[in-house]
Amino acid sequence: MILVFGTICLDRLRRVPSLPAPGGYVEIQEESAMLGGEAANTANALRHWNHEVLLAGNALGSGHDARKLQSLLEASEIPTDWIAPIGVPADQKAPVCDVYVTPDGDRTMFGRGFSQMGPGVPLEYLPYRAGEWFTAEPNMGSPAREATRRALDAGMKTYLMDFYQPDDPIVPGSFWQCSTDWQGTRGNQQKNVRWVQDWVAQHGCFATLSDGPNGFVFGGPDWPARAYPPFPAPLMVDSTGAGDMFRAGMLHGLTQNWPIADCLRYASAAGSLKCAHFGATAHVPSEVEITTFIEQNPSVASAY
């Protein structure tokens, strides 16, 4: 079982030829509403790979967007036992992320309702199971940190994403992931290797610092930090959710006790393949698709 805790939102994706200059105008080329949020994105991929996944996170809220979000959750077939039903709380709108995607696959995001998010189910009721995996991101603030501590107290293994505050519950032997949007230095492998070395020395965790198209740095206890090349995106359409797909790929391997190098290889390939599709949850590459892609890129695969 993998308990995924965090953000569940409605993504409104819009493909545009470019971002407008201040006061300017661009025509929207394509628009779609999809299930989004880091937790939902990760849970969606894990469900496609036949894992028992339990999704818990913010309340869906009320209104038209909440109803749309609920219908997208139902269509995803992700179990919703640990998500508050629509209309709770009655005065809170569903969190919505407006995502503008340019031809290079980069995305610019505008959010609404995220600062008011709270857990939909009391944290003490969540199904913490000793020996199983718990993963979270900190968008909900203190509830995310409390849920992580409860998971640790229950004896769960943790995989945390984007937790980097001094008091965050990152424990020795756990797995941690972040991007250079938040830590490290975009485009500077040497600095990022040193950063990961220092982070591992401080926390004793296994750490991934991703740098988008530049690949990532990984290190851990008895695993020297070094840079890994990215798998080439077969078609760069949209990078939304690539980090969430990477996290899901790592958990896919870790739950099966794969060697770490195999987990990294699978996660990186999955994240790359995700970029060939519009939106974070519209397409999840199959296990066969991922392993075939790895075999088609032997020079990259051998670098892991």
C-alpha atoms as a PDB file:
ATOM      1  CA  MET A   1       0.000   0.000   0.000  1.00  0.00           C
ATOM      2  CA  ILE A   2       1.154   3.536  -0.792  1.00  0.00           C
ATOM      3  CA  LEU A   3      -0.524   6.378   1.092  1.00  0.00           C
ATOM      4  CA  VAL A   4      -0.283   9.574  -0.975  1.00  0.00           C
ATOM      5  CA  PHE A   5      -1.027  12.779   0.933  1.00  0.00           C
ATOM      6  CA  GLY A   6      -1.221  16.249  -0.544  1.00  0.00           C
ATOM      7  CA  THR A   7      -2.758  18.444  -3.197  1.00  0.00           C
ATOM      8  CA  ILE A   8      -5.811  17.489  -5.239  1.00  0.00           C
ATOM      9  CA  CYS A   9      -6.927  20.221  -7.614  1.00  0.00           C
ATOM     10  CA  LEU A  10      -8.528  21.037 -10.931  1.00  0.00           C
ATOM     11  CA  ASP A  11      -5.994  21.834 -13.650  1.00  0.00           C
ATOM     12  CA  ARG A  12      -7.251  24.133 -16.399  1.00  0.00           C
ATOM     13  CA  LEU A  13      -4.651  23.735 -19.121  1.00  0.00           C
ATOM     14  CA  ARG A  14      -4.302  26.163 -21.997  1.00  0.00           C
ATOM     15  CA  ARG A  15      -1.882  25.796 -24.874  1.00  0.00           C
ATOM     16  CA  VAL A  16      -0.614  29.181 -26.105  1.00  0.00           C
ATOM     17  CA  PRO A  17       1.965  30.146 -28.770  1.00  0.00           C
ATOM     18  CA  SER A  18       3.763  32.366 -26.242  1.00  0.00           C
ATOM     19  CA  LEU A  19       3.158  34.279 -23.066  1.00  0.00           C
ATOM     20  CA  PRO A  20       1.978  37.818 -23.799  1.00  0.00           C
ATOM     21  CA  ALA A  21       4.044  40.870 -23.015  1.00  0.00           C
ATOM     22  CA  PRO A  22       2.562  43.167 -20.349  1.00  0.00           C
ATOM     23  CA  GLY A  23      -0.593  44.613 -21.814  1.00  0.00           C
ATOM     24  CA  GLY A  24      -0.426  42.202 -24.753  1.00  0.00           C
ATOM     25  CA  TYR A  25      -2.657  39.435 -26.088  1.00  0.00           C
ATOM     26  CA  VAL A  26      -2.306  35.856 -27.319  1.00  0.00           C
ATOM     27  CA  GLU A  27      -4.882  33.427 -28.654  1.00  0.00           C
ATOM     28  CA  ILE A  28      -5.490  30.200 -26.691  1.00  0.00           C
ATOM     29  CA  GLN A  29      -4.957  27.268 -29.074  1.00  0.00           C
ATOM     30  CA  GLU A  30      -6.284  24.447 -26.913  1.00  0.00           C
ATOM     31  CA  GLU A  31      -7.990  24.200 -23.525  1.00  0.00           C
ATOM     32  CA  SER A  32      -8.773  21.253 -21.277  1.00  0.00           C
ATOM     33  CA  ALA A  33      -9.787  20.560 -17.682  1.00  0.00           C
ATOM     34  CA  MET A  34      -7.952  17.688 -15.985  1.00  0.00           C
ATOM     35  CA  LEU A  35      -7.324  16.147 -12.605  1.00  0.00           C
ATOM     36  CA  GLY A  36      -4.252  17.794 -11.094  1.00  0.00           C
ATOM     37  CA  GLY A  37      -2.246  18.434  -7.964  1.00  0.00           C
ATOM     38  CA  GLU A  38       0.994  16.732  -6.933  1.00  0.00           C
ATOM     39  CA  ALA A  39      -0.693  14.040  -4.842  1.00  0.00           C
ATOM     40  CA  ALA A  40      -3.379  13.245  -7.413  1.00  0.00           C
ATOM     41  CA  ASN A  41      -0.822  13.152 -10.240  1.00  0.00           C
ATOM     42  CA  THR A  42       1.375  10.676  -8.368  1.00  0.00           C
ATOM     43  CA  ALA A  43      -1.548   8.529  -7.220  1.00  0.00           C
ATOM     44  CA  ASN A  44      -2.928   8.409 -10.762  1.00  0.00           C
ATOM     45  CA  ALA A  45       0.342   7.010 -12.150  1.00  0.00           C
ATOM     46  CA  LEU A  46       0.695   4.445  -9.363  1.00  0.00           C
ATOM     47  CA  ARG A  47      -2.872   3.240  -9.896  1.00  0.00           C
ATOM     48  CA  HIS A  48      -2.144   2.717 -13.597  1.00  0.00           C
ATOM     49  CA  TRP A  49       0.815   0.540 -12.582  1.00  0.00           C
ATOM     50  CA  ASN A  50      -1.515  -1.615 -10.450  1.00  0.00           C
ATOM     51  CA  HIS A  51      -0.470  -0.457  -6.999  1.00  0.00           C
ATOM     52  CA  GLU A  52      -2.790  -0.310  -4.042  1.00  0.00           C
ATOM     53  CA  VAL A  53      -2.836   3.444  -3.621  1.00  0.00           C
ATOM     54  CA  LEU A  54      -4.786   5.496  -1.083  1.00  0.00           C
ATOM     55  CA  LEU A  55      -5.135   9.205  -1.816  1.00  0.00           C
ATOM     56  CA  ALA A  56      -5.696  11.664   1.017  1.00  0.00           C
ATOM     57  CA  GLY A  57      -5.465  15.419   0.838  1.00  0.00           C
ATOM     58  CA  ASN A  58      -7.319  18.685   0.832  1.00  0.00           C
ATOM     59  CA  ALA A  59     -11.080  19.016   0.892  1.00  0.00           C
ATOM     60  CA  LEU A  60     -12.656  19.324  -2.553  1.00  0.00           C
ATOM     61  CA  GLY A  61     -14.822  22.251  -1.448  1.00  0.00           C
ATOM     62  CA  SER A  62     -18.015  23.401  -3.121  1.00  0.00           C
ATOM     63  CA  GLY A  63     -19.253  24.849  -6.378  1.00  0.00           C
ATOM     64  CA  HIS A  64     -19.012  24.038 -10.074  1.00  0.00           C
ATOM     65  CA  ASP A  65     -15.234  23.449 -10.040  1.00  0.00           C
ATOM     66  CA  ALA A  66     -15.547  21.084  -7.073  1.00  0.00           C
ATOM     67  CA  ARG A  67     -18.179  19.058  -8.935  1.00  0.00           C
ATOM     68  CA  LYS A  68     -15.912  18.872 -11.973  1.00  0.00           C
ATOM     69  CA  LEU A  69     -12.985  17.819  -9.791  1.00  0.00           C
ATOM     70  CA  GLN A  70     -15.083  15.104  -8.153  1.00  0.00           C
ATOM     71  CA  SER A  71     -16.129  13.722 -11.542  1.00  0.00           C
ATOM     72  CA  LEU A  72     -12.499  13.618 -12.698  1.00  0.00           C
ATOM     73  CA  LEU A  73     -11.523  11.757  -9.530  1.00  0.00           C
ATOM     74  CA  GLU A  74     -14.291   9.223 -10.097  1.00  0.00           C
ATOM     75  CA  ALA A  75     -13.174   8.736 -13.705  1.00  0.00           C
ATOM     76  CA  SER A  76      -9.588   8.134 -12.566  1.00  0.00           C
ATOM     77  CA  GLU A  77     -10.720   5.180 -10.424  1.00  0.00           C
ATOM     78  CA  ILE A  78      -8.442   6.321  -7.596  1.00  0.00           C
ATOM     79  CA  PRO A  79     -10.044   5.263  -4.278  1.00  0.00           C
ATOM     80  CA  THR A  80     -11.579   8.310  -2.598  1.00  0.00           C
ATOM     81  CA  ASP A  81     -12.361   6.824   0.826  1.00  0.00           C
ATOM     82  CA  TRP A  82      -9.976   9.269   2.498  1.00  0.00           C
ATOM     83  CA  ILE A  83     -11.142  12.401   0.667  1.00  0.00           C
ATOM     84  CA  ALA A  84     -13.931  14.564   2.086  1.00  0.00           C
ATOM     85  CA  PRO A  85     -17.062  14.535  -0.101  1.00  0.00           C
ATOM     86  CA  ILE A  86     -18.009  17.466  -2.273  1.00  0.00           C
ATOM     87  CA  GLY A  87     -19.578  20.343  -0.359  1.00  0.00           C
ATOM     88  CA  VAL A  88     -17.196  20.083   2.600  1.00  0.00           C
ATOM     89  CA  PRO A  89     -16.552  22.768   3.635  1.00  0.00           C
ATOM     90  CA  ALA A  90     -19.564  24.524   2.146  1.00  0.00           C
ATOM     91  CA  ASP A  91     -17.909  27.957   1.934  1.00  0.00           C
ATOM     92  CA  GLN A  92     -14.639  26.862   0.299  1.00  0.00           C
ATOM     93  CA  LYS A  93     -14.074  26.770  -3.440  1.00  0.00           C
ATOM     94  CA  ALA A  94     -12.120  23.953  -5.047  1.00  0.00           C
ATOM     95  CA  PRO A  95      -8.417  24.669  -5.608  1.00  0.00           C
ATOM     96  CA  VAL A  96      -7.842  25.459  -9.282  1.00  0.00           C
ATOM     97  CA  CYS A  97      -4.555  25.797 -11.157  1.00  0.00           C
ATOM     98  CA  ASP A  98      -4.580  27.659 -14.496  1.00  0.00           C
ATOM     99  CA  VAL A  99      -1.654  26.296 -16.506  1.00  0.00           C
ATOM    100  CA  TYR A 100      -0.396  28.029 -19.655  1.00  0.00           C
ATOM    101  CA  VAL A 101       1.829  25.801 -21.790  1.00  0.00           C
ATOM    102  CA  THR A 102       4.133  27.239 -24.485  1.00  0.00           C
ATOM    103  CA  PRO A 103       5.566  25.349 -27.509  1.00  0.00           C
ATOM    104  CA  ASP A 104       8.803  24.529 -25.647  1.00  0.00           C
ATOM    105  CA  GLY A 105       6.774  22.494 -23.135  1.00  0.00           C
ATOM    106  CA  ASP A 106       7.341  24.924 -20.285  1.00  0.00           C
ATOM    107  CA  ARG A 107       4.381  25.936 -18.159  1.00  0.00           C
ATOM    108  CA  THR A 108       3.341  29.010 -16.212  1.00  0.00           C
ATOM    109  CA  MET A 109       0.824  28.525 -13.414  1.00  0.00           C
ATOM    110  CA  PHE A 110      -1.708  30.687 -11.634  1.00  0.00           C
ATOM    111  CA  GLY A 111      -3.545  29.258  -8.628  1.00  0.00           C
ATOM    112  CA  ARG A 112      -6.689  29.930  -6.645  1.00  0.00           C
ATOM    113  CA  GLY A 113      -7.753  28.426  -3.342  1.00  0.00           C
ATOM    114  CA  PHE A 114      -4.449  26.798  -2.409  1.00  0.00           C
ATOM    115  CA  SER A 115      -3.666  29.055   0.540  1.00  0.00           C
ATOM    116  CA  GLN A 116      -6.978  28.057   2.180  1.00  0.00           C
ATOM    117  CA  MET A 117      -6.504  24.300   1.736  1.00  0.00           C
ATOM    118  CA  GLY A 118      -6.993  22.051   4.734  1.00  0.00           C
ATOM    119  CA  PRO A 119      -7.126  18.269   5.113  1.00  0.00           C
ATOM    120  CA  GLY A 120     -10.436  16.768   4.088  1.00  0.00           C
ATOM    121  CA  VAL A 121     -10.273  13.993   6.703  1.00  0.00           C
ATOM    122  CA  PRO A 122      -8.876  14.325  10.257  1.00  0.00           C
ATOM    123  CA  LEU A 123      -5.234  13.249  10.131  1.00  0.00           C
ATOM    124  CA  GLU A 124      -5.622  10.775  12.991  1.00  0.00           C
ATOM    125  CA  TYR A 125      -8.104   8.774  10.899  1.00  0.00           C
ATOM    126  CA  LEU A 126      -5.770   8.127   7.965  1.00  0.00           C
ATOM    127  CA  PRO A 127      -4.649   4.497   7.396  1.00  0.00           C
ATOM    128  CA  TYR A 128      -1.026   4.617   8.519  1.00  0.00           C
ATOM    129  CA  ARG A 129       0.384   1.091   8.159  1.00  0.00           C
ATOM    130  CA  ALA A 130       3.746  -0.005   9.531  1.00  0.00           C
ATOM    131  CA  GLY A 131       6.211  -1.046   6.851  1.00  0.00           C
ATOM    132  CA  GLU A 132       4.233   0.544   3.985  1.00  0.00           C
ATOM    133  CA  TRP A 133       5.076   3.711   2.038  1.00  0.00           C
ATOM    134  CA  PHE A 134       3.895   7.244   2.747  1.00  0.00           C
ATOM    135  CA  THR A 135       4.561  10.155   0.408  1.00  0.00           C
ATOM    136  CA  ALA A 136       3.661  13.831   0.680  1.00  0.00           C
ATOM    137  CA  GLU A 137       4.423  17.364  -0.486  1.00  0.00           C
ATOM    138  CA  PRO A 138       4.162  20.413   1.808  1.00  0.00           C
ATOM    139  CA  ASN A 139       1.599  22.560  -0.005  1.00  0.00           C
ATOM    140  CA  MET A 140      -0.846  22.187   2.882  1.00  0.00           C
ATOM    141  CA  GLY A 141       1.768  23.392   5.361  1.00  0.00           C
ATOM    142  CA  SER A 142       1.554  22.137   8.937  1.00  0.00           C
ATOM    143  CA  PRO A 143      -1.043  19.396   8.210  1.00  0.00           C
ATOM    144  CA  ALA A 144       1.349  17.834   5.678  1.00  0.00           C
ATOM    145  CA  ARG A 145       4.143  17.854   8.234  1.00  0.00           C
ATOM    146  CA  GLU A 146       1.880  16.443  10.948  1.00  0.00           C
ATOM    147  CA  ALA A 147       0.668  13.675   8.636  1.00  0.00           C
ATOM    148  CA  THR A 148       4.299  12.809   7.860  1.00  0.00           C
ATOM    149  CA  ARG A 149       5.181  12.621  11.547  1.00  0.00           C
ATOM    150  CA  ARG A 150       2.176  10.373  12.189  1.00  0.00           C
ATOM    151  CA  ALA A 151       3.298   8.117   9.359  1.00  0.00           C
ATOM    152  CA  LEU A 152       6.803   7.930  10.821  1.00  0.00           C
ATOM    153  CA  ASP A 153       5.446   7.215  14.296  1.00  0.00           C
ATOM    154  CA  ALA A 154       3.426   4.359  12.805  1.00  0.00           C
ATOM    155  CA  GLY A 155       6.565   2.844  11.257  1.00  0.00           C
ATOM    156  CA  MET A 156       5.919   3.814   7.631  1.00  0.00           C
ATOM    157  CA  LYS A 157       8.668   4.423   5.071  1.00  0.00           C
ATOM    158  CA  THR A 158       8.611   7.970   3.712  1.00  0.00           C
ATOM    159  CA  TYR A 159       9.225   9.605   0.344  1.00  0.00           C
ATOM    160  CA  LEU A 160       8.957  13.399   0.664  1.00  0.00           C
ATOM    161  CA  MET A 161       8.850  15.908  -2.181  1.00  0.00           C
ATOM    162  CA  ASP A 162       9.758  19.613  -1.881  1.00  0.00           C
ATOM    163  CA  PHE A 163      10.176  19.550   1.918  1.00  0.00           C
ATOM    164  CA  TYR A 164      13.156  21.800   2.635  1.00  0.00           C
ATOM    165  CA  GLN A 165      12.361  23.795   5.778  1.00  0.00           C
ATOM    166  CA  PRO A 166      14.798  23.380   8.717  1.00  0.00           C
ATOM    167  CA  ASP A 167      12.239  21.550  10.886  1.00  0.00           C
ATOM    168  CA  ASP A 168      10.838  19.284   8.164  1.00  0.00           C
ATOM    169  CA  PRO A 169      10.550  15.606   9.207  1.00  0.00           C
ATOM    170  CA  ILE A 170      13.275  14.188   6.935  1.00  0.00           C
ATOM    171  CA  VAL A 171      14.736  11.137   8.682  1.00  0.00           C
ATOM    172  CA  PRO A 172      17.792   8.967   7.967  1.00  0.00           C
ATOM    173  CA  GLY A 173      17.146   6.340   5.315  1.00  0.00           C
ATOM    174  CA  SER A 174      14.101   8.122   3.900  1.00  0.00           C
ATOM    175  CA  PHE A 175      13.773   9.304   0.301  1.00  0.00           C
ATOM    176  CA  TRP A 176      13.547  12.962  -0.644  1.00  0.00           C
ATOM    177  CA  GLN A 177      12.981  14.776  -3.923  1.00  0.00           C
ATOM    178  CA  CYS A 178      13.036  18.421  -4.944  1.00  0.00           C
ATOM    179  CA  SER A 179      13.693  20.486  -8.060  1.00  0.00           C
ATOM    180  CA  THR A 180      15.980  23.401  -8.772  1.00  0.00           C
ATOM    181  CA  ASP A 181      12.862  25.571  -8.793  1.00  0.00           C
ATOM    182  CA  TRP A 182      13.248  25.497  -4.995  1.00  0.00           C
ATOM    183  CA  GLN A 183      16.788  24.417  -4.086  1.00  0.00           C
ATOM    184  CA  GLY A 184      20.172  24.113  -5.781  1.00  0.00           C
ATOM    185  CA  THR A 185      21.091  26.022  -8.936  1.00  0.00           C
ATOM    186  CA  ARG A 186      19.379  25.624 -12.310  1.00  0.00           C
ATOM    187  CA  GLY A 187      21.851  24.455 -14.964  1.00  0.00           C
ATOM    188  CA  ASN A 188      24.883  24.033 -12.680  1.00  0.00           C
ATOM    189  CA  GLN A 189      25.660  20.339 -12.092  1.00  0.00           C
ATOM    190  CA  GLN A 190      28.770  21.001 -10.029  1.00  0.00           C
ATOM    191  CA  LYS A 191      26.929  23.190  -7.536  1.00  0.00           C
ATOM    192  CA  ASN A 192      24.005  20.775  -7.417  1.00  0.00           C
ATOM    193  CA  VAL A 193      26.275  17.818  -6.648  1.00  0.00           C
ATOM    194  CA  ARG A 194      27.791  19.733  -3.735  1.00  0.00           C
ATOM    195  CA  TRP A 195      24.323  20.769  -2.577  1.00  0.00           C
ATOM    196  CA  VAL A 196      23.100  17.159  -2.528  1.00  0.00           C
ATOM    197  CA  GLN A 197      26.265  16.036  -0.731  1.00  0.00           C
ATOM    198  CA  ASP A 198      25.589  18.592   2.005  1.00  0.00           C
ATOM    199  CA  TRP A 199      21.883  17.662   2.197  1.00  0.00           C
ATOM    200  CA  VAL A 200      22.638  13.961   2.557  1.00  0.00           C
ATOM    201  CA  ALA A 201      25.263  14.685   5.212  1.00  0.00           C
ATOM    202  CA  GLN A 202      22.719  16.766   7.134  1.00  0.00           C
ATOM    203  CA  HIS A 203      19.757  14.360   6.937  1.00  0.00           C
ATOM    204  CA  GLY A 204      21.130  10.913   6.117  1.00  0.00           C
ATOM    205  CA  CYS A 205      18.462  10.509   3.430  1.00  0.00           C
ATOM    206  CA  PHE A 206      18.514   9.483  -0.229  1.00  0.00           C
ATOM    207  CA  ALA A 207      18.140  12.726  -2.168  1.00  0.00           C
ATOM    208  CA  THR A 208      17.116  13.571  -5.731  1.00  0.00           C
ATOM    209  CA  LEU A 209      17.566  17.135  -6.968  1.00  0.00           C
ATOM    210  CA  SER A 210      15.971  17.372 -10.405  1.00  0.00           C
ATOM    211  CA  ASP A 211      16.956  20.001 -12.946  1.00  0.00           C
ATOM    212  CA  GLY A 212      14.401  19.576 -15.717  1.00  0.00           C
ATOM    213  CA  PRO A 213      15.978  18.954 -19.137  1.00  0.00           C
ATOM    214  CA  ASN A 214      19.437  18.959 -17.516  1.00  0.00           C
ATOM    215  CA  GLY A 215      18.795  15.677 -15.689  1.00  0.00           C
ATOM    216  CA  PHE A 216      19.174  15.291 -11.941  1.00  0.00           C
ATOM    217  CA  VAL A 217      21.617  14.690  -9.105  1.00  0.00           C
ATOM    218  CA  PHE A 218      21.134  11.754  -6.764  1.00  0.00           C
ATOM    219  CA  GLY A 219      23.030  10.738  -3.646  1.00  0.00           C
ATOM    220  CA  GLY A 220      22.518   8.982  -0.355  1.00  0.00           C
ATOM    221  CA  PRO A 221      24.186   7.147   2.499  1.00  0.00           C
ATOM    222  CA  ASP A 222      27.001   5.108   0.931  1.00  0.00           C
ATOM    223  CA  TRP A 223      25.860   6.374  -2.487  1.00  0.00           C
ATOM    224  CA  PRO A 224      28.148   9.183  -3.734  1.00  0.00           C
ATOM    225  CA  ALA A 225      26.219  12.121  -5.145  1.00  0.00           C
ATOM    226  CA  ARG A 226      26.580  12.549  -8.889  1.00  0.00           C
ATOM    227  CA  ALA A 227      24.706  13.885 -11.896  1.00  0.00           C
ATOM    228  CA  TYR A 228      22.585  11.607 -14.077  1.00  0.00           C
ATOM    229  CA  PRO A 229      21.602  12.423 -17.669  1.00  0.00           C
ATOM    230  CA  PRO A 230      17.935  12.745 -18.631  1.00  0.00           C
ATOM    231  CA  PHE A 231      16.263  10.387 -21.010  1.00  0.00           C
ATOM    232  CA  PRO A 232      15.504  12.346 -24.185  1.00  0.00           C
ATOM    233  CA  ALA A 233      11.871  13.380 -24.374  1.00  0.00           C
ATOM    234  CA  PRO A 234      10.524  11.791 -27.568  1.00  0.00           C
ATOM    235  CA  LEU A 235       8.364  14.894 -28.031  1.00  0.00           C
ATOM    236  CA  MET A 236       8.324  17.913 -25.737  1.00  0.00           C
ATOM    237  CA  VAL A 237       4.677  18.912 -25.367  1.00  0.00           C
ATOM    238  CA  ASP A 238       4.159  19.756 -21.688  1.00  0.00           C
ATOM    239  CA  SER A 239       6.363  19.339 -18.614  1.00  0.00           C
ATOM    240  CA  THR A 240       3.403  19.623 -16.198  1.00  0.00           C
ATOM    241  CA  GLY A 241       3.560  16.740 -13.718  1.00  0.00           C
ATOM    242  CA  ALA A 242       6.947  15.379 -14.829  1.00  0.00           C
ATOM    243  CA  GLY A 243       8.298  15.545 -11.276  1.00  0.00           C
ATOM    244  CA  ASP A 244       5.205  13.773  -9.943  1.00  0.00           C
ATOM    245  CA  MET A 245       5.672  11.038 -12.551  1.00  0.00           C
ATOM    246  CA  PHE A 246       9.326  10.696 -11.481  1.00  0.00           C
ATOM    247  CA  ARG A 247       8.229  10.296  -7.858  1.00  0.00           C
ATOM    248  CA  ALA A 248       5.677   7.658  -8.858  1.00  0.00           C
ATOM    249  CA  GLY A 249       8.359   5.822 -10.839  1.00  0.00           C
ATOM    250  CA  MET A 250      10.690   5.765  -7.860  1.00  0.00           C
ATOM    251  CA  LEU A 251       7.945   4.431  -5.584  1.00  0.00           C
ATOM    252  CA  HIS A 252       7.045   1.825  -8.205  1.00  0.00           C
ATOM    253  CA  GLY A 253      10.557   0.412  -7.950  1.00  0.00           C
ATOM    254  CA  LEU A 254      11.092   0.918  -4.225  1.00  0.00           C
ATOM    255  CA  THR A 255       7.925  -0.992  -3.322  1.00  0.00           C
ATOM    256  CA  GLN A 256       9.302  -3.940  -5.285  1.00  0.00           C
ATOM    257  CA  ASN A 257      12.758  -3.690  -3.676  1.00  0.00           C
ATOM    258  CA  TRP A 258      14.490  -2.898  -6.946  1.00  0.00           C
ATOM    259  CA  PRO A 259      18.126  -1.750  -6.858  1.00  0.00           C
ATOM    260  CA  ILE A 260      18.257   2.031  -6.579  1.00  0.00           C
ATOM    261  CA  ALA A 261      19.811   2.405 -10.040  1.00  0.00           C
ATOM    262  CA  ASP A 262      16.845   0.559 -11.573  1.00  0.00           C
ATOM    263  CA  CYS A 263      14.416   2.813  -9.675  1.00  0.00           C
ATOM    264  CA  LEU A 264      16.184   5.931 -10.949  1.00  0.00           C
ATOM    265  CA  ARG A 265      16.229   4.624 -14.506  1.00  0.00           C
ATOM    266  CA  TYR A 266      12.526   3.781 -14.495  1.00  0.00           C
ATOM    267  CA  ALA A 267      11.548   7.082 -12.834  1.00  0.00           C
ATOM    268  CA  SER A 268      13.590   9.188 -15.246  1.00  0.00           C
ATOM    269  CA  ALA A 269      12.235   7.387 -18.303  1.00  0.00           C
ATOM    270  CA  ALA A 270       8.645   7.710 -17.031  1.00  0.00           C
ATOM    271  CA  GLY A 271       9.071  11.436 -16.388  1.00  0.00           C
ATOM    272  CA  SER A 272      10.495  11.942 -19.866  1.00  0.00           C
ATOM    273  CA  LEU A 273       7.678  10.041 -21.569  1.00  0.00           C
ATOM    274  CA  LYS A 274       5.109  12.074 -19.632  1.00  0.00           C
ATOM    275  CA  CYS A 275       6.389  15.252 -21.352  1.00  0.00           C
ATOM    276  CA  ALA A 276       5.101  14.003 -24.712  1.00  0.00           C
ATOM    277  CA  HIS A 277       1.502  14.531 -23.550  1.00  0.00           C
ATOM    278  CA  PHE A 278      -0.628  17.544 -22.643  1.00  0.00           C
ATOM    279  CA  GLY A 279      -1.513  17.673 -18.948  1.00  0.00           C
ATOM    280  CA  ALA A 280      -0.275  15.767 -15.914  1.00  0.00           C
ATOM    281  CA  THR A 281      -2.847  12.961 -15.826  1.00  0.00           C
ATOM    282  CA  ALA A 282      -4.152  12.531 -19.380  1.00  0.00           C
ATOM    283  CA  HIS A 283      -1.641   9.774 -20.176  1.00  0.00           C
ATOM    284  CA  VAL A 284       0.418   7.468 -17.979  1.00  0.00           C
ATOM    285  CA  PRO A 285       3.052   5.457 -19.873  1.00  0.00           C
ATOM    286  CA  SER A 286       2.661   1.721 -19.378  1.00  0.00           C
ATOM    287  CA  GLU A 287       5.367  -0.427 -17.817  1.00  0.00           C
ATOM    288  CA  VAL A 288       6.017  -1.964 -21.246  1.00  0.00           C
ATOM    289  CA  GLU A 289       6.292   1.482 -22.818  1.00  0.00           C
ATOM    290  CA  ILE A 290       8.783   2.579 -20.167  1.00  0.00           C
ATOM    291  CA  THR A 291      10.993  -0.519 -20.309  1.00  0.00           C
ATOM    292  CA  THR A 292      10.996  -0.400 -24.117  1.00  0.00           C
ATOM    293  CA  PHE A 293      11.993   3.265 -24.013  1.00  0.00           C
ATOM    294  CA  ILE A 294      14.859   2.407 -21.666  1.00  0.00           C
ATOM    295  CA  GLU A 295      16.049  -0.337 -24.024  1.00  0.00           C
ATOM    296  CA  GLN A 296      15.904   2.112 -26.933  1.00  0.00           C
ATOM    297  CA  ASN A 297      18.277   4.475 -25.127  1.00  0.00           C
ATOM    298  CA  PRO A 298      21.143   2.201 -24.001  1.00  0.00           C
ATOM    299  CA  SER A 299      23.726   4.984 -23.724  1.00  0.00           C
ATOM    300  CA  VAL A 300      21.575   6.868 -21.227  1.00  0.00           C
ATOM    301  CA  ALA A 301      20.482   3.725 -19.390  1.00  0.00           C
ATOM    302  CA  SER A 302      24.081   2.581 -18.913  1.00  0.00           C
ATOM    303  CA  ALA A 303      24.954   5.872 -17.208  1.00  0.00           C
ATOM    304  CA  TYR A 304      22.769   4.961 -14.218  1.00  0.00           C
END
